[in-house]
């Protein structure tokens, strides 16, 4: 069953269960948030395919997105605000409308197919140590402290968190969000993590070799 949903095109991919923080300063998005707050309805986050995130014509988004429920609003001066929202459900855009200052989509929910729970659990267990290793590497590379000891037990939540953490192009994250089956999402995440960690380890090895070469001249 389809329904109308206010859409917020962004240069980000929101996954179910994942948090989103936004600074709202454009009039059209102040209006969008106000229109969602009073009836306590969600809005939809969609990745921009063509166009800009702000200060221009309405962007053309991808057609698979994620609903976002507003958790907190911090009012600022001039009607600006900071909001915290939480990703909830995937949806598919059937049609776009530009009758309001912001985009509105006729959408239908697009839940993942979860036909093989045992296989999901197995693949989740295979994925978990790779996510932990990746978080340890990210901690070494940046000032952000990540705790790999408290990963979610649910394999689907783990897959979504893994998708957020992974440093890959946004169009690749969009492909992950658009995956029809839960088992395929978990399998794709497992393959991506193995590849990305192999690349990072190769980078570390190359850096170590260069440092040894640099300091071994006398």
N, C-alpha and C. Protein backbone atom coordinates (compact mmCIF):
# COMPACT_ATOMS: atom_id res chain seq x y z
N UNK A 1 0.84 -1.19 0.00
CA UNK A 1 0.00 0.00 0.00
C UNK A 1 0.88 1.24 0.00
N UNK A 2 0.58 2.19 -0.88
CA UNK A 2 1.40 3.39 -1.00
C UNK A 2 0.87 4.50 -0.10
N UNK A 3 1.75 5.44 0.23
CA UNK A 3 1.39 6.62 1.03
C UNK A 3 2.36 7.74 0.68
N UNK A 4 1.98 8.97 1.00
CA UNK A 4 2.83 10.12 0.72
C UNK A 4 3.80 10.36 1.87
N UNK A 5 5.03 10.70 1.51
CA UNK A 5 6.08 10.87 2.50
C UNK A 5 6.94 12.08 2.13
N UNK A 6 7.14 13.04 3.05
CA UNK A 6 8.09 14.13 2.79
C UNK A 6 9.49 13.55 2.60
N UNK A 7 10.22 14.05 1.60
CA UNK A 7 11.53 13.49 1.29
C UNK A 7 12.63 14.53 1.51
N UNK A 8 13.73 14.06 2.08
CA UNK A 8 14.89 14.91 2.35
C UNK A 8 16.07 14.31 1.58
N UNK A 9 16.40 14.83 0.38
CA UNK A 9 17.56 14.32 -0.36
C UNK A 9 18.86 14.77 0.30
N UNK A 10 19.74 13.84 0.55
CA UNK A 10 21.00 14.13 1.24
C UNK A 10 22.16 13.41 0.57
N UNK A 11 23.36 13.87 0.87
CA UNK A 11 24.56 13.15 0.43
C UNK A 11 24.94 12.14 1.50
N UNK A 12 23.99 11.32 1.86
CA UNK A 12 24.22 10.25 2.83
C UNK A 12 23.20 9.15 2.57
N UNK A 13 23.53 7.95 3.00
CA UNK A 13 22.61 6.81 2.91
C UNK A 13 22.24 6.43 4.34
N UNK A 14 20.96 6.52 4.65
CA UNK A 14 20.48 6.16 5.98
C UNK A 14 20.00 4.71 5.97
N UNK A 15 20.41 3.95 6.98
CA UNK A 15 20.00 2.56 7.12
C UNK A 15 19.07 2.42 8.33
N UNK A 16 18.17 1.45 8.29
CA UNK A 16 17.28 1.22 9.43
C UNK A 16 18.06 1.00 10.73
N UNK A 17 17.56 1.62 11.79
CA UNK A 17 18.19 1.47 13.10
C UNK A 17 19.39 2.34 13.34
N UNK A 18 19.80 3.13 12.34
CA UNK A 18 20.99 3.95 12.47
C UNK A 18 20.61 5.42 12.71
N UNK A 19 21.40 6.15 13.52
CA UNK A 19 21.07 7.54 13.85
C UNK A 19 21.47 8.51 12.73
N UNK A 20 20.82 9.67 12.74
CA UNK A 20 21.09 10.72 11.76
C UNK A 20 21.00 12.06 12.48
N UNK A 21 22.02 12.89 12.33
CA UNK A 21 21.98 14.25 12.87
C UNK A 21 22.01 15.23 11.72
N UNK A 22 21.18 16.26 11.79
CA UNK A 22 21.08 17.24 10.72
C UNK A 22 21.00 18.65 11.31
N UNK A 23 21.63 19.59 10.61
CA UNK A 23 21.47 21.01 10.90
C UNK A 23 20.53 21.58 9.85
N UNK A 24 19.38 22.06 10.28
CA UNK A 24 18.35 22.54 9.36
C UNK A 24 18.43 24.07 9.30
N UNK A 25 18.69 24.60 8.10
CA UNK A 25 18.79 26.04 7.96
C UNK A 25 18.01 26.59 6.76
N UNK A 26 17.71 25.75 5.77
CA UNK A 26 16.95 26.22 4.62
C UNK A 26 15.46 26.28 4.96
N UNK A 27 14.79 27.29 4.39
CA UNK A 27 13.37 27.47 4.69
C UNK A 27 12.54 26.24 4.31
N UNK A 28 12.86 25.62 3.16
CA UNK A 28 12.04 24.49 2.73
C UNK A 28 12.15 23.30 3.68
N UNK A 29 13.34 23.14 4.30
CA UNK A 29 13.49 22.01 5.21
C UNK A 29 13.05 22.36 6.64
N UNK A 30 13.05 23.66 6.98
CA UNK A 30 12.38 24.07 8.21
C UNK A 30 10.89 23.71 8.11
N UNK A 31 10.33 23.97 6.94
CA UNK A 31 8.92 23.65 6.71
C UNK A 31 8.69 22.14 6.77
N UNK A 32 9.59 21.37 6.15
CA UNK A 32 9.45 19.91 6.17
C UNK A 32 9.43 19.38 7.60
N UNK A 33 10.39 19.84 8.41
CA UNK A 33 10.46 19.35 9.79
C UNK A 33 9.23 19.77 10.56
N UNK A 34 8.78 21.02 10.37
CA UNK A 34 7.57 21.48 11.05
C UNK A 34 6.36 20.65 10.65
N UNK A 35 6.27 20.30 9.36
CA UNK A 35 5.14 19.50 8.89
C UNK A 35 5.17 18.08 9.45
N UNK A 36 6.36 17.61 9.82
CA UNK A 36 6.48 16.25 10.38
C UNK A 36 6.30 16.24 11.90
N UNK A 37 6.67 17.34 12.56
CA UNK A 37 6.65 17.36 14.02
C UNK A 37 5.23 17.33 14.58
N UNK A 38 4.35 18.15 14.01
CA UNK A 38 3.02 18.27 14.61
C UNK A 38 2.23 16.96 14.55
N UNK A 39 2.22 16.28 13.38
CA UNK A 39 1.51 14.98 13.37
C UNK A 39 2.40 13.82 13.82
N UNK A 40 3.66 14.14 14.19
CA UNK A 40 4.63 13.11 14.61
C UNK A 40 4.80 12.04 13.53
N UNK A 41 4.98 12.48 12.31
CA UNK A 41 5.18 11.54 11.22
C UNK A 41 6.65 11.54 10.79
N UNK A 42 7.13 10.46 10.22
CA UNK A 42 8.51 10.42 9.76
C UNK A 42 8.68 11.16 8.44
N UNK A 43 9.93 11.39 8.07
CA UNK A 43 10.24 11.84 6.72
C UNK A 43 11.15 10.79 6.10
N UNK A 44 11.37 10.92 4.81
CA UNK A 44 12.20 9.94 4.12
C UNK A 44 13.54 10.52 3.73
N UNK A 45 14.60 9.78 3.98
CA UNK A 45 15.95 10.18 3.55
C UNK A 45 16.30 9.41 2.30
N UNK A 46 16.68 10.15 1.25
CA UNK A 46 17.05 9.54 -0.02
C UNK A 46 18.39 10.12 -0.47
N UNK A 47 19.25 9.26 -0.99
CA UNK A 47 20.54 9.70 -1.49
C UNK A 47 20.35 10.50 -2.78
N UNK A 48 21.10 11.60 -2.90
CA UNK A 48 21.03 12.44 -4.10
C UNK A 48 21.71 11.73 -5.26
N UNK A 49 21.00 11.62 -6.36
CA UNK A 49 21.58 11.08 -7.59
C UNK A 49 22.18 12.20 -8.44
N UNK A 50 21.42 13.28 -8.60
CA UNK A 50 21.88 14.47 -9.33
C UNK A 50 21.43 15.70 -8.56
N UNK A 51 22.30 16.70 -8.49
CA UNK A 51 21.92 17.93 -7.84
C UNK A 51 22.69 18.17 -6.55
N UNK A 52 22.29 19.23 -5.85
CA UNK A 52 22.98 19.65 -4.63
C UNK A 52 22.09 19.41 -3.41
N UNK A 53 22.76 19.30 -2.28
CA UNK A 53 22.05 19.05 -1.03
C UNK A 53 21.31 20.30 -0.55
N UNK A 54 21.85 21.48 -0.84
CA UNK A 54 21.27 22.71 -0.32
C UNK A 54 21.46 23.86 -1.31
N UNK A 55 20.65 24.90 -1.12
CA UNK A 55 20.80 26.18 -1.83
C UNK A 55 20.78 26.00 -3.34
N UNK A 56 19.79 25.32 -3.83
CA UNK A 56 19.63 25.14 -5.26
C UNK A 56 18.31 24.48 -5.57
N UNK A 57 18.10 24.12 -6.83
CA UNK A 57 16.87 23.40 -7.19
C UNK A 57 16.78 22.08 -6.43
N UNK A 58 15.57 21.57 -6.29
CA UNK A 58 15.39 20.28 -5.62
C UNK A 58 16.17 19.20 -6.34
N UNK A 59 16.91 18.42 -5.58
CA UNK A 59 17.78 17.39 -6.17
C UNK A 59 16.96 16.19 -6.64
N UNK A 60 17.52 15.46 -7.59
CA UNK A 60 16.92 14.21 -8.06
C UNK A 60 17.49 13.07 -7.24
N UNK A 61 16.65 12.34 -6.48
CA UNK A 61 17.17 11.30 -5.61
C UNK A 61 17.08 9.90 -6.21
N UNK A 62 17.80 8.97 -5.59
CA UNK A 62 17.59 7.56 -5.86
C UNK A 62 16.20 7.17 -5.36
N UNK A 63 15.72 6.04 -5.83
CA UNK A 63 14.33 5.68 -5.55
C UNK A 63 14.15 4.73 -4.37
N UNK A 64 15.25 4.31 -3.74
CA UNK A 64 15.16 3.51 -2.52
C UNK A 64 15.71 4.35 -1.37
N UNK A 65 14.94 4.50 -0.31
CA UNK A 65 15.37 5.29 0.83
C UNK A 65 14.97 4.65 2.14
N UNK A 66 15.09 5.43 3.21
CA UNK A 66 14.79 4.93 4.55
C UNK A 66 14.03 6.01 5.31
N UNK A 67 12.95 5.62 5.98
CA UNK A 67 12.21 6.59 6.79
C UNK A 67 13.03 6.96 8.02
N UNK A 68 12.81 8.19 8.51
CA UNK A 68 13.53 8.70 9.67
C UNK A 68 12.53 9.27 10.66
N UNK A 69 12.60 8.80 11.89
CA UNK A 69 11.73 9.31 12.96
C UNK A 69 12.50 10.33 13.77
N UNK A 70 11.93 11.52 13.95
CA UNK A 70 12.60 12.59 14.69
C UNK A 70 12.57 12.26 16.18
N UNK A 71 13.76 12.23 16.78
CA UNK A 71 13.89 11.93 18.21
C UNK A 71 14.06 13.18 19.05
N UNK A 72 14.78 14.17 18.51
CA UNK A 72 15.09 15.36 19.30
C UNK A 72 15.27 16.55 18.37
N UNK A 73 14.80 17.71 18.83
CA UNK A 73 14.95 18.96 18.09
C UNK A 73 15.56 20.00 19.02
N UNK A 74 16.64 20.62 18.57
CA UNK A 74 17.27 21.71 19.32
C UNK A 74 17.08 23.00 18.55
N UNK A 75 16.14 23.87 18.98
CA UNK A 75 15.91 25.14 18.27
C UNK A 75 17.12 26.06 18.40
N UNK A 76 17.42 26.77 17.31
CA UNK A 76 18.50 27.75 17.27
C UNK A 76 17.93 29.09 16.83
N UNK A 77 18.78 30.07 16.63
CA UNK A 77 18.32 31.39 16.19
C UNK A 77 17.84 31.33 14.74
N UNK A 78 17.00 32.30 14.38
CA UNK A 78 16.51 32.46 13.00
C UNK A 78 15.74 31.25 12.50
N UNK A 79 15.15 30.48 13.40
CA UNK A 79 14.37 29.32 12.98
C UNK A 79 15.19 28.11 12.61
N UNK A 80 16.52 28.24 12.69
CA UNK A 80 17.36 27.07 12.42
C UNK A 80 17.23 26.06 13.55
N UNK A 81 17.65 24.84 13.29
CA UNK A 81 17.54 23.82 14.33
C UNK A 81 18.51 22.67 14.05
N UNK A 82 18.89 21.99 15.09
CA UNK A 82 19.60 20.72 14.97
C UNK A 82 18.62 19.61 15.34
N UNK A 83 18.61 18.55 14.56
CA UNK A 83 17.71 17.45 14.87
C UNK A 83 18.49 16.14 14.94
N UNK A 84 17.96 15.24 15.72
CA UNK A 84 18.46 13.87 15.77
C UNK A 84 17.30 12.97 15.35
N UNK A 85 17.55 12.10 14.38
CA UNK A 85 16.52 11.19 13.90
C UNK A 85 17.08 9.77 13.87
N UNK A 86 16.19 8.82 13.73
CA UNK A 86 16.57 7.41 13.71
C UNK A 86 15.98 6.74 12.48
N UNK A 87 16.82 6.06 11.72
CA UNK A 87 16.35 5.31 10.56
C UNK A 87 15.41 4.20 10.99
N UNK A 88 14.33 4.01 10.20
CA UNK A 88 13.34 3.00 10.58
C UNK A 88 13.11 1.94 9.51
N UNK A 89 12.46 2.32 8.39
CA UNK A 89 12.05 1.32 7.41
C UNK A 89 12.46 1.74 6.00
N UNK A 90 12.85 0.75 5.21
CA UNK A 90 13.16 1.01 3.81
C UNK A 90 11.87 1.26 3.03
N UNK A 91 11.99 2.10 2.01
CA UNK A 91 10.84 2.34 1.15
C UNK A 91 11.31 2.50 -0.30
N UNK A 92 10.36 2.35 -1.20
CA UNK A 92 10.59 2.54 -2.62
C UNK A 92 9.73 3.70 -3.11
N UNK A 93 10.33 4.66 -3.83
CA UNK A 93 9.58 5.81 -4.35
C UNK A 93 8.90 5.40 -5.65
N UNK A 94 7.59 5.59 -5.69
CA UNK A 94 6.81 5.28 -6.88
C UNK A 94 6.65 6.50 -7.78
N UNK A 95 6.52 7.67 -7.14
CA UNK A 95 6.32 8.90 -7.89
C UNK A 95 6.77 10.08 -7.03
N UNK A 96 7.29 11.12 -7.69
CA UNK A 96 7.74 12.32 -6.99
C UNK A 96 6.80 13.48 -7.29
N UNK A 97 6.56 14.30 -6.26
CA UNK A 97 5.73 15.50 -6.40
C UNK A 97 6.52 16.71 -5.93
N UNK A 98 6.36 17.83 -6.63
CA UNK A 98 7.04 19.07 -6.26
C UNK A 98 6.03 20.19 -6.01
N UNK A 99 4.91 19.86 -5.43
CA UNK A 99 3.87 20.85 -5.17
C UNK A 99 4.16 21.66 -3.91
N UNK A 100 5.01 21.15 -3.02
CA UNK A 100 5.40 21.86 -1.82
C UNK A 100 6.83 22.39 -2.00
N UNK A 101 7.32 23.18 -1.05
CA UNK A 101 8.70 23.67 -1.17
C UNK A 101 9.73 22.54 -1.18
N UNK A 102 9.37 21.39 -0.61
CA UNK A 102 10.26 20.23 -0.58
C UNK A 102 9.64 19.09 -1.38
N UNK A 103 10.45 18.07 -1.64
CA UNK A 103 9.96 16.91 -2.38
C UNK A 103 9.00 16.08 -1.52
N UNK A 104 7.99 15.55 -2.17
CA UNK A 104 7.11 14.56 -1.55
C UNK A 104 7.07 13.35 -2.47
N UNK A 105 7.13 12.18 -1.90
CA UNK A 105 7.08 10.97 -2.70
C UNK A 105 5.87 10.13 -2.39
N UNK A 106 5.30 9.55 -3.42
CA UNK A 106 4.36 8.45 -3.21
C UNK A 106 5.22 7.21 -3.07
N UNK A 107 5.19 6.57 -1.89
CA UNK A 107 6.14 5.50 -1.60
C UNK A 107 5.40 4.26 -1.11
N UNK A 108 6.09 3.15 -1.18
CA UNK A 108 5.62 1.91 -0.55
C UNK A 108 6.77 1.32 0.23
N UNK A 109 6.47 0.69 1.34
CA UNK A 109 7.51 0.08 2.16
C UNK A 109 8.18 -1.05 1.38
N UNK A 110 9.47 -1.25 1.65
CA UNK A 110 10.29 -2.19 0.89
C UNK A 110 11.10 -3.04 1.88
N UNK A 111 10.42 -3.88 2.66
CA UNK A 111 11.13 -4.66 3.69
C UNK A 111 12.04 -5.72 3.08
N UNK A 112 13.10 -6.02 3.80
CA UNK A 112 13.99 -7.10 3.38
C UNK A 112 13.30 -8.45 3.49
N UNK A 113 13.59 -9.32 2.55
CA UNK A 113 13.12 -10.69 2.63
C UNK A 113 14.01 -11.46 3.60
N UNK A 114 13.41 -12.04 4.63
CA UNK A 114 14.16 -12.80 5.65
C UNK A 114 13.68 -14.25 5.64
N UNK A 115 13.97 -14.95 4.57
CA UNK A 115 13.41 -16.29 4.40
C UNK A 115 14.24 -17.40 5.05
N UNK A 116 15.50 -17.13 5.35
CA UNK A 116 16.37 -18.18 5.87
C UNK A 116 17.11 -17.65 7.10
N UNK A 117 16.46 -17.71 8.25
CA UNK A 117 17.04 -17.15 9.47
C UNK A 117 18.32 -17.87 9.87
N UNK A 118 18.38 -19.19 9.71
CA UNK A 118 19.57 -19.93 10.09
C UNK A 118 20.78 -19.48 9.27
N UNK A 119 20.56 -19.27 7.98
CA UNK A 119 21.67 -18.80 7.12
C UNK A 119 22.07 -17.38 7.49
N UNK A 120 21.08 -16.54 7.83
CA UNK A 120 21.40 -15.19 8.28
C UNK A 120 22.28 -15.22 9.53
N UNK A 121 21.92 -16.07 10.48
CA UNK A 121 22.70 -16.16 11.72
C UNK A 121 24.12 -16.64 11.43
N UNK A 122 24.27 -17.62 10.54
CA UNK A 122 25.61 -18.13 10.21
C UNK A 122 26.45 -17.05 9.55
N UNK A 123 25.86 -16.35 8.60
CA UNK A 123 26.62 -15.31 7.90
C UNK A 123 26.94 -14.15 8.83
N UNK A 124 26.02 -13.84 9.75
CA UNK A 124 26.29 -12.81 10.74
C UNK A 124 27.47 -13.17 11.62
N UNK A 125 27.57 -14.45 12.01
CA UNK A 125 28.71 -14.89 12.83
C UNK A 125 30.01 -14.81 12.04
N UNK A 126 29.96 -15.05 10.75
CA UNK A 126 31.16 -14.93 9.90
C UNK A 126 31.57 -13.46 9.76
N UNK A 127 30.58 -12.58 9.67
CA UNK A 127 30.85 -11.16 9.47
C UNK A 127 31.43 -10.49 10.71
N UNK A 128 30.95 -10.90 11.88
CA UNK A 128 31.28 -10.20 13.13
C UNK A 128 32.78 -9.98 13.35
N UNK A 129 33.65 -11.00 13.26
CA UNK A 129 35.07 -10.75 13.53
C UNK A 129 35.71 -9.78 12.53
N UNK A 130 35.20 -9.74 11.30
CA UNK A 130 35.74 -8.82 10.31
C UNK A 130 35.35 -7.38 10.64
N UNK A 131 34.14 -7.18 11.15
CA UNK A 131 33.73 -5.84 11.57
C UNK A 131 34.58 -5.39 12.76
N UNK A 132 34.82 -6.28 13.70
CA UNK A 132 35.67 -5.96 14.85
C UNK A 132 37.06 -5.54 14.39
N UNK A 133 37.63 -6.30 13.47
CA UNK A 133 38.97 -5.98 12.97
C UNK A 133 38.98 -4.63 12.27
N UNK A 134 37.96 -4.37 11.50
CA UNK A 134 37.86 -3.09 10.78
C UNK A 134 37.77 -1.92 11.76
N UNK A 135 36.98 -2.08 12.82
CA UNK A 135 36.87 -1.03 13.82
C UNK A 135 38.20 -0.79 14.53
N UNK A 136 38.94 -1.84 14.78
CA UNK A 136 40.27 -1.68 15.40
C UNK A 136 41.20 -0.91 14.48
N UNK A 137 41.13 -1.20 13.17
CA UNK A 137 41.97 -0.48 12.21
C UNK A 137 41.57 0.99 12.14
N UNK A 138 40.26 1.27 12.11
CA UNK A 138 39.80 2.66 12.06
C UNK A 138 40.26 3.43 13.29
N UNK A 139 40.25 2.78 14.45
CA UNK A 139 40.71 3.43 15.67
C UNK A 139 42.18 3.79 15.56
N UNK A 140 42.98 2.93 14.95
CA UNK A 140 44.40 3.22 14.76
C UNK A 140 44.62 4.37 13.79
N UNK A 141 43.75 4.48 12.78
CA UNK A 141 43.93 5.48 11.73
C UNK A 141 43.37 6.85 12.08
N UNK A 142 42.50 6.94 13.09
CA UNK A 142 41.83 8.21 13.37
C UNK A 142 41.80 8.45 14.87
N UNK A 143 41.28 9.62 15.23
CA UNK A 143 41.13 9.97 16.64
C UNK A 143 39.82 9.47 17.22
N UNK A 144 39.00 8.83 16.41
CA UNK A 144 37.71 8.34 16.87
C UNK A 144 37.90 6.99 17.58
N UNK A 145 37.39 6.92 18.79
CA UNK A 145 37.51 5.69 19.57
C UNK A 145 36.28 4.82 19.32
N UNK A 146 36.47 3.66 18.70
CA UNK A 146 35.38 2.74 18.42
C UNK A 146 35.52 1.51 19.32
N UNK A 147 34.40 1.04 19.82
CA UNK A 147 34.40 -0.11 20.72
C UNK A 147 33.88 -1.34 19.98
N UNK A 148 34.78 -2.22 19.55
CA UNK A 148 34.33 -3.40 18.81
C UNK A 148 33.77 -4.52 19.69
N UNK A 149 33.75 -4.31 21.00
CA UNK A 149 33.32 -5.37 21.91
C UNK A 149 31.81 -5.39 22.13
N UNK A 150 31.10 -4.38 21.64
CA UNK A 150 29.66 -4.31 21.89
C UNK A 150 28.87 -4.21 20.59
N UNK A 151 29.17 -5.10 19.67
CA UNK A 151 28.43 -5.15 18.42
C UNK A 151 27.07 -5.80 18.66
N UNK A 152 26.06 -5.40 17.89
CA UNK A 152 24.72 -5.98 18.08
C UNK A 152 24.70 -7.47 17.76
N UNK A 153 23.86 -8.20 18.47
CA UNK A 153 23.73 -9.64 18.24
C UNK A 153 22.87 -9.95 17.02
N UNK A 154 21.87 -9.13 16.76
CA UNK A 154 21.00 -9.38 15.62
C UNK A 154 21.80 -9.23 14.33
N UNK A 155 21.80 -10.24 13.45
CA UNK A 155 22.64 -10.18 12.25
C UNK A 155 22.27 -9.04 11.30
N UNK A 156 20.99 -8.71 11.23
CA UNK A 156 20.57 -7.64 10.33
C UNK A 156 21.00 -6.27 10.85
N UNK A 157 20.87 -6.05 12.16
CA UNK A 157 21.35 -4.80 12.75
C UNK A 157 22.86 -4.70 12.59
N UNK A 158 23.56 -5.82 12.75
CA UNK A 158 25.00 -5.85 12.53
C UNK A 158 25.34 -5.46 11.09
N UNK A 159 24.59 -5.98 10.14
CA UNK A 159 24.85 -5.66 8.73
C UNK A 159 24.65 -4.18 8.45
N UNK A 160 23.60 -3.59 9.01
CA UNK A 160 23.36 -2.16 8.80
C UNK A 160 24.45 -1.31 9.45
N UNK A 161 24.86 -1.67 10.66
CA UNK A 161 25.95 -0.95 11.31
C UNK A 161 27.23 -1.09 10.50
N UNK A 162 27.49 -2.29 10.01
CA UNK A 162 28.68 -2.52 9.20
C UNK A 162 28.66 -1.67 7.93
N UNK A 163 27.49 -1.51 7.34
CA UNK A 163 27.36 -0.68 6.14
C UNK A 163 27.66 0.78 6.43
N UNK A 164 27.24 1.26 7.61
CA UNK A 164 27.52 2.65 8.00
C UNK A 164 29.01 2.85 8.21
N UNK A 165 29.66 1.92 8.87
CA UNK A 165 31.08 2.06 9.21
C UNK A 165 31.99 2.00 7.98
N UNK A 166 31.59 1.25 6.97
CA UNK A 166 32.48 0.97 5.86
C UNK A 166 32.74 2.22 5.02
N UNK A 167 34.01 2.49 4.73
CA UNK A 167 34.40 3.65 3.93
C UNK A 167 34.42 3.25 2.45
N UNK A 168 33.25 3.33 1.84
CA UNK A 168 33.11 3.02 0.42
C UNK A 168 32.26 4.13 -0.20
N UNK A 169 32.27 4.27 -1.54
CA UNK A 169 31.48 5.33 -2.19
C UNK A 169 30.00 5.22 -1.86
N UNK A 170 29.33 6.37 -1.89
CA UNK A 170 27.92 6.41 -1.52
C UNK A 170 27.04 5.58 -2.45
N UNK A 171 27.40 5.52 -3.74
CA UNK A 171 26.57 4.72 -4.64
C UNK A 171 26.66 3.24 -4.30
N UNK A 172 27.78 2.81 -3.72
CA UNK A 172 27.91 1.42 -3.28
C UNK A 172 27.07 1.18 -2.03
N UNK A 173 27.03 2.18 -1.14
CA UNK A 173 26.15 2.05 0.03
C UNK A 173 24.69 2.02 -0.39
N UNK A 174 24.37 2.79 -1.43
CA UNK A 174 23.00 2.76 -1.94
C UNK A 174 22.64 1.38 -2.46
N UNK A 175 23.59 0.72 -3.11
CA UNK A 175 23.35 -0.65 -3.58
C UNK A 175 23.06 -1.58 -2.41
N UNK A 176 23.79 -1.38 -1.31
CA UNK A 176 23.56 -2.22 -0.12
C UNK A 176 22.16 -1.97 0.45
N UNK A 177 21.76 -0.69 0.53
CA UNK A 177 20.43 -0.37 1.02
C UNK A 177 19.35 -0.98 0.14
N UNK A 178 19.62 -1.10 -1.16
CA UNK A 178 18.62 -1.58 -2.12
C UNK A 178 18.58 -3.09 -2.24
N UNK A 179 19.45 -3.82 -1.53
CA UNK A 179 19.50 -5.27 -1.63
C UNK A 179 18.17 -5.89 -1.21
N UNK A 180 17.57 -6.73 -2.03
CA UNK A 180 16.23 -7.27 -1.71
C UNK A 180 16.22 -8.24 -0.53
N UNK A 181 17.26 -9.11 -0.42
CA UNK A 181 17.21 -10.19 0.58
C UNK A 181 18.22 -9.96 1.69
N UNK A 182 17.81 -10.28 2.93
CA UNK A 182 18.69 -10.09 4.08
C UNK A 182 19.95 -10.95 3.96
N UNK A 183 19.81 -12.18 3.52
CA UNK A 183 20.97 -13.07 3.39
C UNK A 183 21.98 -12.50 2.40
N UNK A 184 21.49 -11.93 1.31
CA UNK A 184 22.39 -11.34 0.32
C UNK A 184 23.11 -10.12 0.88
N UNK A 185 22.40 -9.31 1.69
CA UNK A 185 23.03 -8.16 2.32
C UNK A 185 24.17 -8.61 3.23
N UNK A 186 23.92 -9.60 4.06
CA UNK A 186 24.96 -10.10 4.96
C UNK A 186 26.13 -10.69 4.19
N UNK A 187 25.84 -11.42 3.13
CA UNK A 187 26.91 -12.01 2.31
C UNK A 187 27.74 -10.93 1.64
N UNK A 188 27.07 -9.91 1.10
CA UNK A 188 27.79 -8.81 0.44
C UNK A 188 28.66 -8.07 1.44
N UNK A 189 28.15 -7.85 2.67
CA UNK A 189 28.95 -7.16 3.68
C UNK A 189 30.18 -7.98 4.05
N UNK A 190 30.01 -9.29 4.17
CA UNK A 190 31.14 -10.17 4.49
C UNK A 190 32.23 -10.06 3.42
N UNK A 191 31.83 -10.10 2.15
CA UNK A 191 32.80 -10.00 1.06
C UNK A 191 33.49 -8.64 1.04
N UNK A 192 32.70 -7.57 1.26
CA UNK A 192 33.26 -6.22 1.24
C UNK A 192 34.27 -6.04 2.37
N UNK A 193 33.95 -6.55 3.56
CA UNK A 193 34.86 -6.39 4.68
C UNK A 193 36.16 -7.16 4.46
N UNK A 194 36.08 -8.33 3.92
CA UNK A 194 37.30 -9.08 3.63
C UNK A 194 38.18 -8.32 2.65
N UNK A 195 37.55 -7.73 1.64
CA UNK A 195 38.30 -6.97 0.63
C UNK A 195 38.91 -5.71 1.23
N UNK A 196 38.11 -4.96 1.98
CA UNK A 196 38.59 -3.69 2.51
C UNK A 196 39.70 -3.89 3.53
N UNK A 197 39.58 -4.92 4.36
CA UNK A 197 40.63 -5.17 5.35
C UNK A 197 41.91 -5.62 4.67
N UNK A 198 41.81 -6.42 3.61
CA UNK A 198 42.99 -6.81 2.86
C UNK A 198 43.69 -5.59 2.27
N UNK A 199 42.91 -4.64 1.76
CA UNK A 199 43.49 -3.41 1.21
C UNK A 199 44.16 -2.58 2.29
N UNK A 200 43.51 -2.45 3.45
CA UNK A 200 44.08 -1.68 4.54
C UNK A 200 45.37 -2.33 5.06
N UNK A 201 45.36 -3.64 5.17
CA UNK A 201 46.57 -4.33 5.63
C UNK A 201 47.72 -4.15 4.64
N UNK A 202 47.40 -4.16 3.34
CA UNK A 202 48.43 -3.92 2.32
C UNK A 202 48.97 -2.50 2.44
N UNK A 203 48.10 -1.53 2.74
CA UNK A 203 48.55 -0.15 2.93
C UNK A 203 49.48 -0.03 4.13
N UNK A 204 49.12 -0.70 5.23
CA UNK A 204 49.96 -0.67 6.42
C UNK A 204 51.33 -1.29 6.12
N UNK A 205 51.34 -2.41 5.41
CA UNK A 205 52.58 -3.09 5.08
C UNK A 205 53.47 -2.20 4.21
N UNK A 206 52.87 -1.56 3.23
CA UNK A 206 53.64 -0.67 2.36
C UNK A 206 54.22 0.50 3.13
N UNK A 207 53.42 1.05 4.07
CA UNK A 207 53.91 2.16 4.88
C UNK A 207 55.06 1.72 5.77
N UNK A 208 54.97 0.51 6.34
CA UNK A 208 56.03 0.00 7.20
C UNK A 208 57.31 -0.20 6.40
N UNK A 209 57.19 -0.73 5.17
CA UNK A 209 58.36 -0.95 4.31
C UNK A 209 59.01 0.38 3.97
N UNK A 210 58.21 1.39 3.64
CA UNK A 210 58.77 2.70 3.31
C UNK A 210 59.50 3.32 4.49
N UNK A 211 58.93 3.15 5.70
CA UNK A 211 59.58 3.70 6.89
C UNK A 211 60.90 3.00 7.16
N UNK A 212 60.93 1.68 7.01
CA UNK A 212 62.17 0.94 7.22
C UNK A 212 63.21 1.40 6.22
N UNK A 213 62.79 1.55 4.96
CA UNK A 213 63.74 2.00 3.93
C UNK A 213 64.26 3.38 4.22
N UNK A 214 63.42 4.24 4.76
CA UNK A 214 63.80 5.63 5.01
C UNK A 214 64.82 5.71 6.15
N UNK A 215 64.63 4.89 7.19
CA UNK A 215 65.47 5.03 8.38
C UNK A 215 66.64 4.04 8.40
N UNK A 216 66.83 3.24 7.35
CA UNK A 216 67.91 2.26 7.39
C UNK A 216 69.13 2.71 6.57
N UNK A 217 69.13 3.97 6.16
CA UNK A 217 70.25 4.42 5.32
C UNK A 217 71.51 4.51 6.15
N UNK A 218 71.60 4.63 7.35
CA UNK A 218 72.89 4.55 8.07
C UNK A 218 72.66 3.70 9.29
